[in-house]
Amino acid sequence: MIPRGQVATYGDVARAAGLARGARQTAYALRVSPADLHLPWHRVVGVGGRIAIPRSSRSYHEQARRLRSEGVIVKQGRIARSAIVKLELL
């Protein structure tokens, strides 16, 4: 449900799924989901629009690369506020 070129926070994804205060559950679900689901994990960020993966990891750089390829501005691990969307309840 997160459009290309935009992001949502882990908390917003959790709330849209009906899980109040479920940001950690969202992160866990994305981490353990099979790759063949092709979930747009890179469009989910931490509170305040920051990449929540450690900066030294390969995944951090992959997330930043994917977001930039969709036109999202990423500076020092933070996403431009204009790219953050609010999700509706599923």
PDB file of N, CA and C in Angstrom:
ATOM      1  N   MET A   1       0.805  -1.211   0.000  1.00  0.00           N
ATOM      2  CA  MET A   1       0.000   0.000   0.000  1.00  0.00           C
ATOM      3  C   MET A   1       0.844   1.269   0.000  1.00  0.00           C
ATOM      4  N   ILE A   2       2.143   1.130   0.178  1.00  0.00           N
ATOM      5  CA  ILE A   2       3.005   2.309   0.182  1.00  0.00           C
ATOM      6  C   ILE A   2       3.405   2.582  -1.266  1.00  0.00           C
ATOM      7  N   PRO A   3       2.992   3.712  -1.821  1.00  0.00           N
ATOM      8  CA  PRO A   3       3.284   4.007  -3.224  1.00  0.00           C
ATOM      9  C   PRO A   3       4.782   4.149  -3.492  1.00  0.00           C
ATOM     10  N   ARG A   4       5.158   3.828  -4.700  1.00  0.00           N
ATOM     11  CA  ARG A   4       6.532   4.009  -5.153  1.00  0.00           C
ATOM     12  C   ARG A   4       6.911   5.481  -4.959  1.00  0.00           C
ATOM     13  N   GLY A   5       8.108   5.710  -4.442  1.00  0.00           N
ATOM     14  CA  GLY A   5       8.567   7.080  -4.227  1.00  0.00           C
ATOM     15  C   GLY A   5       8.134   7.681  -2.903  1.00  0.00           C
ATOM     16  N   GLN A   6       7.493   6.865  -2.066  1.00  0.00           N
ATOM     17  CA  GLN A   6       7.069   7.338  -0.753  1.00  0.00           C
ATOM     18  C   GLN A   6       7.419   6.288   0.291  1.00  0.00           C
ATOM     19  N   VAL A   7       7.367   6.667   1.551  1.00  0.00           N
ATOM     20  CA  VAL A   7       7.676   5.757   2.655  1.00  0.00           C
ATOM     21  C   VAL A   7       6.622   5.899   3.746  1.00  0.00           C
ATOM     22  N   ALA A   8       6.564   4.899   4.618  1.00  0.00           N
ATOM     23  CA  ALA A   8       5.728   4.947   5.815  1.00  0.00           C
ATOM     24  C   ALA A   8       6.590   4.443   6.960  1.00  0.00           C
ATOM     25  N   THR A   9       6.223   4.820   8.172  1.00  0.00           N
ATOM     26  CA  THR A   9       6.990   4.366   9.328  1.00  0.00           C
ATOM     27  C   THR A   9       6.508   2.977   9.757  1.00  0.00           C
ATOM     28  N   TYR A  10       7.367   2.291  10.509  1.00  0.00           N
ATOM     29  CA  TYR A  10       6.991   0.983  11.047  1.00  0.00           C
ATOM     30  C   TYR A  10       5.711   1.097  11.865  1.00  0.00           C
ATOM     31  N   GLY A  11       5.597   2.161  12.645  1.00  0.00           N
ATOM     32  CA  GLY A  11       4.407   2.369  13.466  1.00  0.00           C
ATOM     33  C   GLY A  11       3.152   2.561  12.644  1.00  0.00           C
ATOM     34  N   ASP A  12       3.247   3.312  11.556  1.00  0.00           N
ATOM     35  CA  ASP A  12       2.073   3.516  10.697  1.00  0.00           C
ATOM     36  C   ASP A  12       1.643   2.221  10.021  1.00  0.00           C
ATOM     37  N   VAL A  13       2.607   1.414   9.608  1.00  0.00           N
ATOM     38  CA  VAL A  13       2.280   0.119   8.997  1.00  0.00           C
ATOM     39  C   VAL A  13       1.560  -0.745  10.033  1.00  0.00           C
ATOM     40  N   ALA A  14       2.058  -0.752  11.258  1.00  0.00           N
ATOM     41  CA  ALA A  14       1.424  -1.529  12.328  1.00  0.00           C
ATOM     42  C   ALA A  14       0.000  -1.047  12.587  1.00  0.00           C
ATOM     43  N   ARG A  15      -0.181   0.276  12.697  1.00  0.00           N
ATOM     44  CA  ARG A  15      -1.527   0.821  12.938  1.00  0.00           C
ATOM     45  C   ARG A  15      -2.474   0.481  11.786  1.00  0.00           C
ATOM     46  N   ALA A  16      -1.993   0.557  10.552  1.00  0.00           N
ATOM     47  CA  ALA A  16      -2.836   0.228   9.398  1.00  0.00           C
ATOM     48  C   ALA A  16      -3.264  -1.244   9.432  1.00  0.00           C
ATOM     49  N   ALA A  17      -2.428  -2.079  10.047  1.00  0.00           N
ATOM     50  CA  ALA A  17      -2.748  -3.505  10.175  1.00  0.00           C
ATOM     51  C   ALA A  17      -3.565  -3.797  11.427  1.00  0.00           C
ATOM     52  N   GLY A  18      -3.877  -2.743  12.196  1.00  0.00           N
ATOM     53  CA  GLY A  18      -4.674  -2.915  13.402  1.00  0.00           C
ATOM     54  C   GLY A  18      -3.871  -3.290  14.629  1.00  0.00           C
ATOM     55  N   LEU A  19      -2.569  -3.070  14.588  1.00  0.00           N
ATOM     56  CA  LEU A  19      -1.698  -3.397  15.715  1.00  0.00           C
ATOM     57  C   LEU A  19      -1.152  -2.117  16.354  1.00  0.00           C
ATOM     58  N   ALA A  20      -1.930  -1.544  17.247  1.00  0.00           N
ATOM     59  CA  ALA A  20      -1.453  -0.344  17.930  1.00  0.00           C
ATOM     60  C   ALA A  20      -0.165  -0.682  18.666  1.00  0.00           C
ATOM     61  N   ARG A  21       0.818   0.189  18.581  1.00  0.00           N
ATOM     62  CA  ARG A  21       2.108  -0.003  19.240  1.00  0.00           C
ATOM     63  C   ARG A  21       2.819  -1.261  18.746  1.00  0.00           C
ATOM     64  N   GLY A  22       2.697  -1.561  17.461  1.00  0.00           N
ATOM     65  CA  GLY A  22       3.278  -2.778  16.900  1.00  0.00           C
ATOM     66  C   GLY A  22       4.433  -2.537  15.949  1.00  0.00           C
ATOM     67  N   ALA A  23       5.156  -1.426  16.127  1.00  0.00           N
ATOM     68  CA  ALA A  23       6.258  -1.107  15.216  1.00  0.00           C
ATOM     69  C   ALA A  23       7.317  -2.207  15.199  1.00  0.00           C
ATOM     70  N   ARG A  24       7.645  -2.750  16.351  1.00  0.00           N
ATOM     71  CA  ARG A  24       8.657  -3.813  16.405  1.00  0.00           C
ATOM     72  C   ARG A  24       8.163  -5.075  15.704  1.00  0.00           C
ATOM     73  N   GLN A  25       6.878  -5.350  15.825  1.00  0.00           N
ATOM     74  CA  GLN A  25       6.312  -6.512  15.137  1.00  0.00           C
ATOM     75  C   GLN A  25       6.394  -6.332  13.624  1.00  0.00           C
ATOM     76  N   THR A  26       6.185  -5.103  13.177  1.00  0.00           N
ATOM     77  CA  THR A  26       6.302  -4.802  11.745  1.00  0.00           C
ATOM     78  C   THR A  26       7.727  -5.056  11.280  1.00  0.00           C
ATOM     79  N   ALA A  27       8.691  -4.575  12.029  1.00  0.00           N
ATOM     80  CA  ALA A  27      10.096  -4.769  11.660  1.00  0.00           C
ATOM     81  C   ALA A  27      10.437  -6.254  11.623  1.00  0.00           C
ATOM     82  N   TYR A  28       9.977  -6.991  12.612  1.00  0.00           N
ATOM     83  CA  TYR A  28      10.253  -8.424  12.655  1.00  0.00           C
ATOM     84  C   TYR A  28       9.615  -9.130  11.459  1.00  0.00           C
ATOM     85  N   ALA A  29       8.369  -8.813  11.163  1.00  0.00           N
ATOM     86  CA  ALA A  29       7.671  -9.444  10.033  1.00  0.00           C
ATOM     87  C   ALA A  29       8.400  -9.186   8.719  1.00  0.00           C
ATOM     88  N   LEU A  30       8.877  -7.975   8.523  1.00  0.00           N
ATOM     89  CA  LEU A  30       9.622  -7.671   7.295  1.00  0.00           C
ATOM     90  C   LEU A  30      10.955  -8.421   7.254  1.00  0.00           C
ATOM     91  N   ARG A  31      11.593  -8.552   8.405  1.00  0.00           N
ATOM     92  CA  ARG A  31      12.898  -9.204   8.462  1.00  0.00           C
ATOM     93  C   ARG A  31      12.796 -10.697   8.165  1.00  0.00           C
ATOM     94  N   VAL A  32      11.739 -11.358   8.633  1.00  0.00           N
ATOM     95  CA  VAL A  32      11.635 -12.813   8.471  1.00  0.00           C
ATOM     96  C   VAL A  32      10.787 -13.242   7.277  1.00  0.00           C
ATOM     97  N   SER A  33      10.206 -12.303   6.565  1.00  0.00           N
ATOM     98  CA  SER A  33       9.362 -12.680   5.423  1.00  0.00           C
ATOM     99  C   SER A  33      10.222 -13.257   4.295  1.00  0.00           C
ATOM    100  N   PRO A  34       9.702 -14.248   3.590  1.00  0.00           N
ATOM    101  CA  PRO A  34      10.443 -14.848   2.482  1.00  0.00           C
ATOM    102  C   PRO A  34      10.684 -13.835   1.362  1.00  0.00           C
ATOM    103  N   ALA A  35      11.848 -13.903   0.767  1.00  0.00           N
ATOM    104  CA  ALA A  35      12.207 -12.973  -0.311  1.00  0.00           C
ATOM    105  C   ALA A  35      11.260 -13.078  -1.499  1.00  0.00           C
ATOM    106  N   ASP A  36      10.692 -14.268  -1.727  1.00  0.00           N
ATOM    107  CA  ASP A  36       9.819 -14.438  -2.889  1.00  0.00           C
ATOM    108  C   ASP A  36       8.480 -13.716  -2.746  1.00  0.00           C
ATOM    109  N   LEU A  37       8.213 -13.122  -1.581  1.00  0.00           N
ATOM    110  CA  LEU A  37       7.025 -12.271  -1.430  1.00  0.00           C
ATOM    111  C   LEU A  37       7.228 -10.911  -2.093  1.00  0.00           C
ATOM    112  N   HIS A  38       8.485 -10.522  -2.286  1.00  0.00           N
ATOM    113  CA  HIS A  38       8.833  -9.252  -2.939  1.00  0.00           C
ATOM    114  C   HIS A  38       8.165  -8.057  -2.250  1.00  0.00           C
ATOM    115  N   LEU A  39       8.222  -8.044  -0.929  1.00  0.00           N
ATOM    116  CA  LEU A  39       7.658  -6.921  -0.178  1.00  0.00           C
ATOM    117  C   LEU A  39       8.549  -5.688  -0.341  1.00  0.00           C
ATOM    118  N   PRO A  40       7.960  -4.518  -0.457  1.00  0.00           N
ATOM    119  CA  PRO A  40       8.753  -3.286  -0.595  1.00  0.00           C
ATOM    120  C   PRO A  40       9.288  -2.822   0.769  1.00  0.00           C
ATOM    121  N   TRP A  41      10.100  -3.650   1.397  1.00  0.00           N
ATOM    122  CA  TRP A  41      10.629  -3.384   2.737  1.00  0.00           C
ATOM    123  C   TRP A  41      11.381  -2.062   2.806  1.00  0.00           C
ATOM    124  N   HIS A  42      11.965  -1.667   1.691  1.00  0.00           N
ATOM    125  CA  HIS A  42      12.766  -0.440   1.678  1.00  0.00           C
ATOM    126  C   HIS A  42      11.916   0.811   1.855  1.00  0.00           C
ATOM    127  N   ARG A  43      10.603   0.692   1.697  1.00  0.00           N
ATOM    128  CA  ARG A  43       9.708   1.840   1.848  1.00  0.00           C
ATOM    129  C   ARG A  43       9.227   2.022   3.283  1.00  0.00           C
ATOM    130  N   VAL A  44       9.742   1.230   4.201  1.00  0.00           N
ATOM    131  CA  VAL A  44       9.357   1.332   5.611  1.00  0.00           C
ATOM    132  C   VAL A  44      10.559   1.848   6.403  1.00  0.00           C
ATOM    133  N   VAL A  45      10.328   2.926   7.140  1.00  0.00           N
ATOM    134  CA  VAL A  45      11.419   3.583   7.880  1.00  0.00           C
ATOM    135  C   VAL A  45      11.033   3.787   9.340  1.00  0.00           C
ATOM    136  N   GLY A  46      11.996   4.175  10.122  1.00  0.00           N
ATOM    137  CA  GLY A  46      11.766   4.427  11.541  1.00  0.00           C
ATOM    138  C   GLY A  46      11.065   5.751  11.785  1.00  0.00           C
ATOM    139  N   VAL A  47      10.743   5.963  13.051  1.00  0.00           N
ATOM    140  CA  VAL A  47      10.075   7.187  13.468  1.00  0.00           C
ATOM    141  C   VAL A  47      10.901   8.400  13.021  1.00  0.00           C
ATOM    142  N   GLY A  48      10.227   9.433  12.590  1.00  0.00           N
ATOM    143  CA  GLY A  48      10.915  10.638  12.141  1.00  0.00           C
ATOM    144  C   GLY A  48      11.497  10.527  10.745  1.00  0.00           C
ATOM    145  N   GLY A  49      11.262   9.390  10.074  1.00  0.00           N
ATOM    146  CA  GLY A  49      11.740   9.242   8.705  1.00  0.00           C
ATOM    147  C   GLY A  49      13.200   8.850   8.576  1.00  0.00           C
ATOM    148  N   ARG A  50      13.706   8.119   9.556  1.00  0.00           N
ATOM    149  CA  ARG A  50      15.107   7.705   9.445  1.00  0.00           C
ATOM    150  C   ARG A  50      15.207   6.228   9.106  1.00  0.00           C
ATOM    151  N   ILE A  51      16.254   5.886   8.392  1.00  0.00           N
ATOM    152  CA  ILE A  51      16.529   4.485   8.112  1.00  0.00           C
ATOM    153  C   ILE A  51      16.934   3.853   9.436  1.00  0.00           C
ATOM    154  N   ALA A  52      16.222   2.809   9.832  1.00  0.00           N
ATOM    155  CA  ALA A  52      16.410   2.227  11.158  1.00  0.00           C
ATOM    156  C   ALA A  52      17.447   1.105  11.196  1.00  0.00           C
ATOM    157  N   ILE A  53      18.018   0.792  10.063  1.00  0.00           N
ATOM    158  CA  ILE A  53      19.032  -0.260   9.968  1.00  0.00           C
ATOM    159  C   ILE A  53      20.394   0.374  10.277  1.00  0.00           C
ATOM    160  N   PRO A  54      21.288  -0.346  10.967  1.00  0.00           N
ATOM    161  CA  PRO A  54      22.612   0.223  11.258  1.00  0.00           C
ATOM    162  C   PRO A  54      23.333   0.702   9.998  1.00  0.00           C
ATOM    163  N   ARG A  55      23.886   1.886  10.072  1.00  0.00           N
ATOM    164  CA  ARG A  55      24.532   2.539   8.927  1.00  0.00           C
ATOM    165  C   ARG A  55      25.661   1.703   8.325  1.00  0.00           C
ATOM    166  N   SER A  56      26.299   0.896   9.118  1.00  0.00           N
ATOM    167  CA  SER A  56      27.433   0.098   8.635  1.00  0.00           C
ATOM    168  C   SER A  56      27.002  -1.168   7.890  1.00  0.00           C
ATOM    169  N   SER A  57      25.702  -1.461   7.859  1.00  0.00           N
ATOM    170  CA  SER A  57      25.245  -2.707   7.238  1.00  0.00           C
ATOM    171  C   SER A  57      24.996  -2.556   5.738  1.00  0.00           C
ATOM    172  N   ARG A  58      25.069  -3.672   5.062  1.00  0.00           N
ATOM    173  CA  ARG A  58      24.780  -3.720   3.623  1.00  0.00           C
ATOM    174  C   ARG A  58      23.314  -3.343   3.364  1.00  0.00           C
ATOM    175  N   SER A  59      22.410  -3.775   4.257  1.00  0.00           N
ATOM    176  CA  SER A  59      20.981  -3.489   4.085  1.00  0.00           C
ATOM    177  C   SER A  59      20.683  -1.997   4.147  1.00  0.00           C
ATOM    178  N   TYR A  60      21.392  -1.270   4.999  1.00  0.00           N
ATOM    179  CA  TYR A  60      21.222   0.179   5.097  1.00  0.00           C
ATOM    180  C   TYR A  60      21.501   0.826   3.740  1.00  0.00           C
ATOM    181  N   HIS A  61      22.627   0.462   3.156  1.00  0.00           N
ATOM    182  CA  HIS A  61      23.011   1.051   1.870  1.00  0.00           C
ATOM    183  C   HIS A  61      22.073   0.611   0.751  1.00  0.00           C
ATOM    184  N   GLU A  62      21.571  -0.628   0.832  1.00  0.00           N
ATOM    185  CA  GLU A  62      20.610  -1.114  -0.158  1.00  0.00           C
ATOM    186  C   GLU A  62      19.287  -0.364  -0.039  1.00  0.00           C
ATOM    187  N   GLN A  63      18.838  -0.108   1.190  1.00  0.00           N
ATOM    188  CA  GLN A  63      17.594   0.637   1.376  1.00  0.00           C
ATOM    189  C   GLN A  63      17.742   2.054   0.832  1.00  0.00           C
ATOM    190  N   ALA A  64      18.820   2.719   1.155  1.00  0.00           N
ATOM    191  CA  ALA A  64      19.041   4.078   0.653  1.00  0.00           C
ATOM    192  C   ALA A  64      19.104   4.084  -0.873  1.00  0.00           C
ATOM    193  N   ARG A  65      19.776   3.100  -1.466  1.00  0.00           N
ATOM    194  CA  ARG A  65      19.890   3.023  -2.920  1.00  0.00           C
ATOM    195  C   ARG A  65      18.520   2.836  -3.564  1.00  0.00           C
ATOM    196  N   ARG A  66      17.727   1.906  -3.014  1.00  0.00           N
ATOM    197  CA  ARG A  66      16.396   1.646  -3.579  1.00  0.00           C
ATOM    198  C   ARG A  66      15.493   2.876  -3.468  1.00  0.00           C
ATOM    199  N   LEU A  67      15.536   3.539  -2.323  1.00  0.00           N
ATOM    200  CA  LEU A  67      14.709   4.734  -2.155  1.00  0.00           C
ATOM    201  C   LEU A  67      15.120   5.822  -3.134  1.00  0.00           C
ATOM    202  N   ARG A  68      16.405   6.043  -3.274  1.00  0.00           N
ATOM    203  CA  ARG A  68      16.876   7.058  -4.227  1.00  0.00           C
ATOM    204  C   ARG A  68      16.477   6.704  -5.653  1.00  0.00           C
ATOM    205  N   SER A  69      16.496   5.419  -5.986  1.00  0.00           N
ATOM    206  CA  SER A  69      16.109   5.008  -7.346  1.00  0.00           C
ATOM    207  C   SER A  69      14.633   5.291  -7.619  1.00  0.00           C
ATOM    208  N   GLU A  70      13.840   5.446  -6.547  1.00  0.00           N
ATOM    209  CA  GLU A  70      12.423   5.788  -6.676  1.00  0.00           C
ATOM    210  C   GLU A  70      12.192   7.289  -6.553  1.00  0.00           C
ATOM    211  N   GLY A  71      13.276   8.057  -6.417  1.00  0.00           N
ATOM    212  CA  GLY A  71      13.150   9.506  -6.352  1.00  0.00           C
ATOM    213  C   GLY A  71      13.016  10.075  -4.956  1.00  0.00           C
ATOM    214  N   VAL A  72      13.202   9.252  -3.932  1.00  0.00           N
ATOM    215  CA  VAL A  72      13.112   9.710  -2.550  1.00  0.00           C
ATOM    216  C   VAL A  72      14.448  10.338  -2.156  1.00  0.00           C
ATOM    217  N   ILE A  73      14.382  11.498  -1.542  1.00  0.00           N
ATOM    218  CA  ILE A  73      15.600  12.174  -1.082  1.00  0.00           C
ATOM    219  C   ILE A  73      16.023  11.569   0.247  1.00  0.00           C
ATOM    220  N   VAL A  74      17.263  11.078   0.290  1.00  0.00           N
ATOM    221  CA  VAL A  74      17.836  10.493   1.503  1.00  0.00           C
ATOM    222  C   VAL A  74      19.113  11.257   1.819  1.00  0.00           C
ATOM    223  N   LYS A  75      19.147  11.885   2.987  1.00  0.00           N
ATOM    224  CA  LYS A  75      20.342  12.627   3.423  1.00  0.00           C
ATOM    225  C   LYS A  75      20.711  12.182   4.824  1.00  0.00           C
ATOM    226  N   GLN A  76      21.911  11.656   4.956  1.00  0.00           N
ATOM    227  CA  GLN A  76      22.432  11.199   6.245  1.00  0.00           C
ATOM    228  C   GLN A  76      21.457  10.250   6.943  1.00  0.00           C
ATOM    229  N   GLY A  77      20.880   9.360   6.156  1.00  0.00           N
ATOM    230  CA  GLY A  77      19.985   8.349   6.713  1.00  0.00           C
ATOM    231  C   GLY A  77      18.577   8.812   7.008  1.00  0.00           C
ATOM    232  N   ARG A  78      18.260  10.039   6.644  1.00  0.00           N
ATOM    233  CA  ARG A  78      16.911  10.568   6.879  1.00  0.00           C
ATOM    234  C   ARG A  78      16.197  10.795   5.551  1.00  0.00           C
ATOM    235  N   ILE A  79      14.905  10.587   5.594  1.00  0.00           N
ATOM    236  CA  ILE A  79      14.055  10.724   4.419  1.00  0.00           C
ATOM    237  C   ILE A  79      13.364  12.082   4.475  1.00  0.00           C
ATOM    238  N   ALA A  80      13.234  12.718   3.323  1.00  0.00           N
ATOM    239  CA  ALA A  80      12.516  13.994   3.259  1.00  0.00           C
ATOM    240  C   ALA A  80      11.079  13.810   3.745  1.00  0.00           C
ATOM    241  N   ARG A  81      10.626  14.711   4.601  1.00  0.00           N
ATOM    242  CA  ARG A  81       9.265  14.613   5.158  1.00  0.00           C
ATOM    243  C   ARG A  81       8.191  14.532   4.069  1.00  0.00           C
ATOM    244  N   SER A  82       8.450  15.155   2.943  1.00  0.00           N
ATOM    245  CA  SER A  82       7.464  15.142   1.857  1.00  0.00           C
ATOM    246  C   SER A  82       7.226  13.741   1.301  1.00  0.00           C
ATOM    247  N   ALA A  83       8.119  12.796   1.560  1.00  0.00           N
ATOM    248  CA  ALA A  83       7.980  11.434   1.053  1.00  0.00           C
ATOM    249  C   ALA A  83       7.242  10.517   2.027  1.00  0.00           C
ATOM    250  N   ILE A  84       6.981  10.988   3.247  1.00  0.00           N
ATOM    251  CA  ILE A  84       6.339  10.146   4.263  1.00  0.00           C
ATOM    252  C   ILE A  84       4.824  10.242   4.125  1.00  0.00           C
ATOM    253  N   VAL A  85       4.163   9.083   4.007  1.00  0.00           N
ATOM    254  CA  VAL A  85       2.715   9.034   3.867  1.00  0.00           C
ATOM    255  C   VAL A  85       2.085   8.427   5.119  1.00  0.00           C
ATOM    256  N   LYS A  86       0.850   8.763   5.357  1.00  0.00           N
ATOM    257  CA  LYS A  86       0.064   8.144   6.418  1.00  0.00           C
ATOM    258  C   LYS A  86      -0.798   7.065   5.772  1.00  0.00           C
ATOM    259  N   LEU A  87      -0.798   5.898   6.363  1.00  0.00           N
ATOM    260  CA  LEU A  87      -1.570   4.777   5.805  1.00  0.00           C
ATOM    261  C   LEU A  87      -2.936   4.705   6.455  1.00  0.00           C
ATOM    262  N   GLU A  88      -3.900   4.270   5.670  1.00  0.00           N
ATOM    263  CA  GLU A  88      -5.251   4.069   6.182  1.00  0.00           C
ATOM    264  C   GLU A  88      -5.345   2.675   6.806  1.00  0.00           C
ATOM    265  N   LEU A  89      -6.278   2.501   7.720  1.00  0.00           N
ATOM    266  CA  LEU A  89      -6.514   1.208   8.352  1.00  0.00           C
ATOM    267  C   LEU A  89      -6.931   0.187   7.290  1.00  0.00           C
ATOM    268  N   LEU A  90      -6.364  -0.992   7.364  1.00  0.00           N
ATOM    269  CA  LEU A  90      -6.685  -2.040   6.378  1.00  0.00           C
ATOM    270  C   LEU A  90      -8.040  -2.653   6.645  1.00  0.00           C
TER     271      LEU A  90
END
